[in-house]
Structures are given as C-alpha cells and as structure tokens.
Amino acid sequence: MHVLLVDDETELVSTVAERLSFRGIDADWVTSGREALRLIGEKEYDIAILDVRMPGMSGLELAREIRSIRPGLAIIFLTGHGSQADFDEGVSQAGEEYYLTKPIDIEVLVGKMKEVLG
C-alpha cells in the first residue's frame, strides 16, 4: 500500500508516516496542498489522507484538485477543528464519506484505510 499524507503539522504527519512504515505501509508526507499535487503528478498512490484545515489550500479544496488528476484515488480526511455539522457539510460537498478525528489512533487509521480500499 502506498499512502500520501498531507497535514501542515510537520511533527504529526512525519510521526504518522513513521508509524505506518513500522506496519509495512509505504507513506510519503508533505505539509501543503501544492506539495501534495506535485507528488500526485509524479507518483502513484493507493490512498491520500488529508487534513481538512490547512493554510493556503484546505483538504477539501485539495480533494477536488486530486479528483481532477486521479479520479479513482481513495481519500480519508482528518479533522481537529470545527463542528461535526460543518465537517459533514464540507465532506458532503467534496463527495467524500471517510474521515477521522485528531488525535489519530494509528490502529483506527490503518483499519479505515483497509476499509476504504476494500
């Protein structure tokens, strides 16, 4: 499994990538939507895990861009901000239904990744 992690919190995203690698999951990580789009143009991923709230380009905006480049790429959103209703509305608009809240439980994340990828 090849995963792209996108979160503006460097410590968080690098730690999650490391913990996934301990479980045999290949994970690249970046801290902005622009960097994520560059990698998606260069590499093949099975799934992208996107923080909802990032400066510059939100995870929801990034998801729309990703869909135009890689329509079949599975996406999981991470959120640590806002109300559940706001998040559900944004996710509905983006056409996504998979999300997890921060702080991230790595086992829950791995389980959700397996569920999404079927």
N, C-alpha and C. Protein backbone atom coordinates (compact mmCIF):
# COMPACT_ATOMS: atom_id res chain seq x y z
N MET A 1 0.85 -1.17 0.00
CA MET A 1 0.00 0.00 0.00
C MET A 1 0.90 1.24 0.00
N HIS A 2 0.58 2.20 -0.87
CA HIS A 2 1.34 3.44 -0.96
C HIS A 2 0.40 4.59 -0.62
N VAL A 3 0.76 5.33 0.44
CA VAL A 3 -0.10 6.36 1.02
C VAL A 3 0.56 7.73 0.92
N LEU A 4 -0.25 8.74 0.64
CA LEU A 4 0.19 10.13 0.71
C LEU A 4 -0.50 10.79 1.90
N LEU A 5 0.29 11.31 2.83
CA LEU A 5 -0.22 12.03 4.00
C LEU A 5 0.01 13.52 3.78
N VAL A 6 -1.03 14.33 4.02
CA VAL A 6 -0.92 15.77 3.85
C VAL A 6 -1.48 16.45 5.09
N ASP A 7 -0.61 17.14 5.81
CA ASP A 7 -1.02 17.86 7.02
C ASP A 7 0.02 18.95 7.27
N ASP A 8 -0.42 20.14 7.64
CA ASP A 8 0.51 21.24 7.87
C ASP A 8 1.27 21.12 9.19
N GLU A 9 0.93 20.16 10.01
CA GLU A 9 1.65 19.93 11.27
C GLU A 9 2.77 18.91 11.01
N THR A 10 3.98 19.41 10.82
CA THR A 10 5.12 18.56 10.43
C THR A 10 5.35 17.41 11.40
N GLU A 11 5.34 17.70 12.68
CA GLU A 11 5.60 16.65 13.66
C GLU A 11 4.56 15.54 13.59
N LEU A 12 3.31 15.93 13.46
CA LEU A 12 2.22 14.95 13.38
C LEU A 12 2.35 14.09 12.14
N VAL A 13 2.47 14.71 10.98
CA VAL A 13 2.46 13.97 9.73
C VAL A 13 3.70 13.08 9.58
N SER A 14 4.85 13.55 10.05
CA SER A 14 6.05 12.71 9.97
C SER A 14 5.96 11.53 10.92
N THR A 15 5.37 11.74 12.08
CA THR A 15 5.20 10.65 13.04
C THR A 15 4.21 9.60 12.52
N VAL A 16 3.11 10.05 11.93
CA VAL A 16 2.14 9.11 11.37
C VAL A 16 2.79 8.29 10.25
N ALA A 17 3.56 8.95 9.39
CA ALA A 17 4.25 8.24 8.30
C ALA A 17 5.20 7.19 8.86
N GLU A 18 5.93 7.55 9.91
CA GLU A 18 6.86 6.61 10.53
C GLU A 18 6.11 5.42 11.14
N ARG A 19 5.02 5.69 11.82
CA ARG A 19 4.25 4.62 12.45
C ARG A 19 3.61 3.71 11.41
N LEU A 20 3.21 4.26 10.26
CA LEU A 20 2.69 3.42 9.19
C LEU A 20 3.79 2.54 8.60
N SER A 21 4.99 3.11 8.47
CA SER A 21 6.10 2.32 7.92
C SER A 21 6.44 1.14 8.82
N PHE A 22 6.28 1.30 10.14
CA PHE A 22 6.50 0.19 11.08
C PHE A 22 5.52 -0.95 10.81
N ARG A 23 4.40 -0.63 10.17
CA ARG A 23 3.37 -1.62 9.86
C ARG A 23 3.45 -2.09 8.41
N GLY A 24 4.55 -1.75 7.75
CA GLY A 24 4.76 -2.20 6.38
C GLY A 24 4.02 -1.40 5.32
N ILE A 25 3.58 -0.19 5.68
CA ILE A 25 2.85 0.66 4.75
C ILE A 25 3.78 1.78 4.30
N ASP A 26 3.96 1.91 2.99
CA ASP A 26 4.82 2.93 2.40
C ASP A 26 4.08 4.26 2.41
N ALA A 27 4.61 5.26 3.12
CA ALA A 27 3.93 6.54 3.23
C ALA A 27 4.87 7.70 2.92
N ASP A 28 4.43 8.56 2.00
CA ASP A 28 5.09 9.83 1.75
C ASP A 28 4.29 10.89 2.49
N TRP A 29 4.96 11.96 2.91
CA TRP A 29 4.22 13.03 3.58
C TRP A 29 4.69 14.39 3.11
N VAL A 30 3.75 15.33 3.10
CA VAL A 30 4.02 16.72 2.76
C VAL A 30 3.17 17.60 3.66
N THR A 31 3.50 18.90 3.67
CA THR A 31 2.81 19.81 4.58
C THR A 31 1.95 20.86 3.87
N SER A 32 1.74 20.71 2.56
CA SER A 32 0.87 21.66 1.86
C SER A 32 0.18 20.99 0.68
N GLY A 33 -0.92 21.60 0.27
CA GLY A 33 -1.64 21.11 -0.89
C GLY A 33 -0.82 21.17 -2.16
N ARG A 34 -0.05 22.23 -2.31
CA ARG A 34 0.80 22.39 -3.51
C ARG A 34 1.81 21.25 -3.61
N GLU A 35 2.45 20.91 -2.48
CA GLU A 35 3.41 19.80 -2.48
C GLU A 35 2.69 18.48 -2.79
N ALA A 36 1.50 18.32 -2.26
CA ALA A 36 0.73 17.09 -2.49
C ALA A 36 0.41 16.93 -3.98
N LEU A 37 0.00 18.01 -4.63
CA LEU A 37 -0.33 17.94 -6.05
C LEU A 37 0.91 17.59 -6.88
N ARG A 38 2.05 18.11 -6.48
CA ARG A 38 3.29 17.78 -7.19
C ARG A 38 3.56 16.28 -7.09
N LEU A 39 3.47 15.72 -5.89
CA LEU A 39 3.73 14.29 -5.71
C LEU A 39 2.70 13.43 -6.45
N ILE A 40 1.46 13.83 -6.42
CA ILE A 40 0.42 13.06 -7.11
C ILE A 40 0.67 13.04 -8.61
N GLY A 41 1.27 14.11 -9.12
CA GLY A 41 1.63 14.14 -10.53
C GLY A 41 2.83 13.26 -10.86
N GLU A 42 3.64 12.94 -9.84
CA GLU A 42 4.86 12.17 -10.05
C GLU A 42 4.75 10.69 -9.68
N LYS A 43 3.90 10.36 -8.71
CA LYS A 43 3.85 9.00 -8.17
C LYS A 43 2.43 8.47 -8.14
N GLU A 44 2.33 7.16 -8.04
CA GLU A 44 1.03 6.51 -7.90
C GLU A 44 0.78 6.23 -6.41
N TYR A 45 -0.41 6.56 -5.94
CA TYR A 45 -0.80 6.30 -4.56
C TYR A 45 -2.09 5.50 -4.56
N ASP A 46 -2.25 4.68 -3.52
CA ASP A 46 -3.50 3.95 -3.32
C ASP A 46 -4.52 4.79 -2.58
N ILE A 47 -4.01 5.67 -1.71
CA ILE A 47 -4.89 6.46 -0.85
C ILE A 47 -4.19 7.74 -0.43
N ALA A 48 -4.97 8.80 -0.25
CA ALA A 48 -4.46 10.07 0.27
C ALA A 48 -5.19 10.36 1.57
N ILE A 49 -4.46 10.80 2.56
CA ILE A 49 -5.02 11.16 3.85
C ILE A 49 -4.77 12.64 4.03
N LEU A 50 -5.85 13.42 4.08
CA LEU A 50 -5.76 14.88 4.01
C LEU A 50 -6.30 15.54 5.27
N ASP A 51 -5.52 16.46 5.81
CA ASP A 51 -6.02 17.32 6.88
C ASP A 51 -7.05 18.27 6.27
N VAL A 52 -8.15 18.48 6.94
CA VAL A 52 -9.19 19.35 6.42
C VAL A 52 -8.75 20.81 6.44
N ARG A 53 -8.18 21.26 7.55
CA ARG A 53 -7.86 22.68 7.71
C ARG A 53 -6.36 22.88 7.59
N MET A 54 -5.95 23.47 6.46
CA MET A 54 -4.55 23.81 6.23
C MET A 54 -4.50 25.20 5.61
N PRO A 55 -3.44 25.94 5.86
CA PRO A 55 -3.31 27.26 5.24
C PRO A 55 -3.07 27.12 3.73
N GLY A 56 -3.54 28.09 2.98
CA GLY A 56 -3.32 28.08 1.54
C GLY A 56 -4.38 27.30 0.79
N MET A 57 -4.40 26.00 0.98
CA MET A 57 -5.37 25.14 0.31
C MET A 57 -5.89 24.14 1.34
N SER A 58 -7.20 24.17 1.57
CA SER A 58 -7.78 23.25 2.55
C SER A 58 -7.77 21.83 1.99
N GLY A 59 -7.98 20.88 2.86
CA GLY A 59 -8.05 19.49 2.42
C GLY A 59 -9.21 19.25 1.48
N LEU A 60 -10.32 19.98 1.68
CA LEU A 60 -11.47 19.83 0.79
C LEU A 60 -11.15 20.36 -0.60
N GLU A 61 -10.46 21.50 -0.66
CA GLU A 61 -10.04 22.05 -1.96
C GLU A 61 -9.03 21.11 -2.63
N LEU A 62 -8.11 20.60 -1.83
CA LEU A 62 -7.11 19.67 -2.36
C LEU A 62 -7.79 18.42 -2.91
N ALA A 63 -8.79 17.92 -2.23
CA ALA A 63 -9.51 16.73 -2.71
C ALA A 63 -10.11 16.97 -4.08
N ARG A 64 -10.69 18.17 -4.29
CA ARG A 64 -11.25 18.47 -5.61
C ARG A 64 -10.18 18.46 -6.69
N GLU A 65 -9.02 19.03 -6.37
CA GLU A 65 -7.90 19.04 -7.32
C GLU A 65 -7.41 17.62 -7.60
N ILE A 66 -7.29 16.83 -6.56
CA ILE A 66 -6.84 15.44 -6.71
C ILE A 66 -7.80 14.69 -7.62
N ARG A 67 -9.09 14.88 -7.41
CA ARG A 67 -10.10 14.17 -8.21
C ARG A 67 -9.95 14.49 -9.71
N SER A 68 -9.51 15.71 -10.03
CA SER A 68 -9.34 16.06 -11.44
C SER A 68 -8.10 15.39 -12.04
N ILE A 69 -7.11 15.08 -11.20
CA ILE A 69 -5.87 14.45 -11.66
C ILE A 69 -5.97 12.92 -11.58
N ARG A 70 -6.47 12.42 -10.45
CA ARG A 70 -6.58 10.97 -10.19
C ARG A 70 -7.98 10.66 -9.68
N PRO A 71 -8.94 10.56 -10.58
CA PRO A 71 -10.35 10.38 -10.17
C PRO A 71 -10.61 9.20 -9.24
N GLY A 72 -9.86 8.13 -9.34
CA GLY A 72 -10.14 6.95 -8.52
C GLY A 72 -9.39 6.88 -7.21
N LEU A 73 -8.58 7.89 -6.91
CA LEU A 73 -7.77 7.83 -5.69
C LEU A 73 -8.65 7.91 -4.44
N ALA A 74 -8.51 6.95 -3.55
CA ALA A 74 -9.26 6.95 -2.29
C ALA A 74 -8.74 8.06 -1.38
N ILE A 75 -9.65 8.68 -0.64
CA ILE A 75 -9.28 9.79 0.25
C ILE A 75 -9.92 9.59 1.61
N ILE A 76 -9.13 9.85 2.64
CA ILE A 76 -9.62 9.92 4.02
C ILE A 76 -9.28 11.30 4.52
N PHE A 77 -10.24 11.96 5.16
CA PHE A 77 -10.00 13.26 5.76
C PHE A 77 -9.69 13.13 7.24
N LEU A 78 -8.83 14.02 7.72
CA LEU A 78 -8.55 14.15 9.15
C LEU A 78 -9.04 15.52 9.58
N THR A 79 -9.67 15.60 10.73
CA THR A 79 -10.10 16.89 11.23
C THR A 79 -9.83 17.02 12.71
N GLY A 80 -9.45 18.21 13.10
CA GLY A 80 -9.25 18.50 14.51
C GLY A 80 -9.93 19.79 14.89
N HIS A 81 -10.66 20.39 13.93
CA HIS A 81 -11.26 21.72 14.13
C HIS A 81 -12.70 21.73 13.65
N GLY A 82 -13.45 22.68 14.19
CA GLY A 82 -14.81 22.90 13.71
C GLY A 82 -15.80 21.91 14.27
N SER A 83 -17.05 22.17 13.97
CA SER A 83 -18.11 21.29 14.46
C SER A 83 -18.29 20.11 13.52
N GLN A 84 -18.88 19.06 14.02
CA GLN A 84 -19.16 17.89 13.20
C GLN A 84 -20.09 18.26 12.04
N ALA A 85 -21.06 19.13 12.29
CA ALA A 85 -22.01 19.53 11.23
C ALA A 85 -21.28 20.26 10.11
N ASP A 86 -20.37 21.17 10.46
CA ASP A 86 -19.59 21.89 9.43
C ASP A 86 -18.75 20.91 8.63
N PHE A 87 -18.13 19.98 9.33
CA PHE A 87 -17.29 18.99 8.65
C PHE A 87 -18.12 18.12 7.72
N ASP A 88 -19.24 17.62 8.21
CA ASP A 88 -20.11 16.77 7.40
C ASP A 88 -20.57 17.50 6.15
N GLU A 89 -20.91 18.79 6.27
CA GLU A 89 -21.35 19.56 5.11
C GLU A 89 -20.22 19.70 4.10
N GLY A 90 -19.02 20.01 4.56
CA GLY A 90 -17.88 20.15 3.66
C GLY A 90 -17.53 18.84 2.98
N VAL A 91 -17.56 17.76 3.72
CA VAL A 91 -17.25 16.46 3.16
C VAL A 91 -18.31 16.06 2.14
N SER A 92 -19.56 16.35 2.45
CA SER A 92 -20.64 16.04 1.52
C SER A 92 -20.43 16.79 0.21
N GLN A 93 -20.04 18.04 0.29
CA GLN A 93 -19.80 18.83 -0.91
C GLN A 93 -18.62 18.28 -1.71
N ALA A 94 -17.65 17.71 -1.04
CA ALA A 94 -16.47 17.16 -1.72
C ALA A 94 -16.73 15.75 -2.24
N GLY A 95 -17.86 15.16 -1.86
CA GLY A 95 -18.19 13.82 -2.32
C GLY A 95 -17.47 12.73 -1.54
N GLU A 96 -17.06 13.02 -0.33
CA GLU A 96 -16.31 12.06 0.49
C GLU A 96 -17.15 11.62 1.68
N GLU A 97 -16.85 10.44 2.18
CA GLU A 97 -17.57 9.97 3.35
C GLU A 97 -16.65 9.39 4.41
N TYR A 98 -15.36 9.40 4.17
CA TYR A 98 -14.43 8.81 5.11
C TYR A 98 -13.67 9.90 5.85
N TYR A 99 -13.73 9.86 7.18
CA TYR A 99 -12.99 10.83 7.96
C TYR A 99 -12.65 10.26 9.33
N LEU A 100 -11.62 10.83 9.90
CA LEU A 100 -11.21 10.51 11.26
C LEU A 100 -10.91 11.81 11.97
N THR A 101 -11.04 11.80 13.28
CA THR A 101 -10.72 12.99 14.06
C THR A 101 -9.35 12.85 14.71
N LYS A 102 -8.73 13.99 14.94
CA LYS A 102 -7.46 14.03 15.65
C LYS A 102 -7.76 14.10 17.13
N PRO A 103 -6.92 13.60 17.99
CA PRO A 103 -5.65 12.93 17.69
C PRO A 103 -5.89 11.58 17.02
N ILE A 104 -4.94 11.19 16.19
CA ILE A 104 -5.07 9.99 15.37
C ILE A 104 -4.65 8.75 16.15
N ASP A 105 -5.52 7.76 16.15
CA ASP A 105 -5.18 6.43 16.67
C ASP A 105 -4.70 5.63 15.47
N ILE A 106 -3.44 5.25 15.46
CA ILE A 106 -2.84 4.63 14.28
C ILE A 106 -3.55 3.34 13.88
N GLU A 107 -4.01 2.57 14.85
CA GLU A 107 -4.72 1.32 14.52
C GLU A 107 -6.07 1.62 13.86
N VAL A 108 -6.75 2.65 14.33
CA VAL A 108 -8.01 3.05 13.72
C VAL A 108 -7.75 3.55 12.29
N LEU A 109 -6.68 4.32 12.11
CA LEU A 109 -6.33 4.81 10.78
C LEU A 109 -6.05 3.65 9.82
N VAL A 110 -5.26 2.69 10.24
CA VAL A 110 -4.94 1.53 9.40
C VAL A 110 -6.23 0.76 9.07
N GLY A 111 -7.09 0.59 10.05
CA GLY A 111 -8.36 -0.09 9.81
C GLY A 111 -9.23 0.65 8.81
N LYS A 112 -9.29 1.96 8.92
CA LYS A 112 -10.09 2.77 8.00
C LYS A 112 -9.49 2.71 6.60
N MET A 113 -8.15 2.71 6.49
CA MET A 113 -7.50 2.59 5.18
C MET A 113 -7.88 1.28 4.52
N LYS A 114 -7.83 0.20 5.27
CA LYS A 114 -8.20 -1.12 4.73
C LYS A 114 -9.66 -1.15 4.31
N GLU A 115 -10.53 -0.53 5.12
CA GLU A 115 -11.94 -0.47 4.80
C GLU A 115 -12.18 0.30 3.50
N VAL A 116 -11.54 1.45 3.36
CA VAL A 116 -11.70 2.29 2.18
C VAL A 116 -11.23 1.59 0.92
N LEU A 117 -10.11 0.88 1.04
CA LEU A 117 -9.53 0.22 -0.13
C LEU A 117 -10.19 -1.12 -0.43
N GLY A 118 -11.01 -1.60 0.52
CA GLY A 118 -11.76 -2.84 0.32
C GLY A 118 -10.90 -4.02 0.26
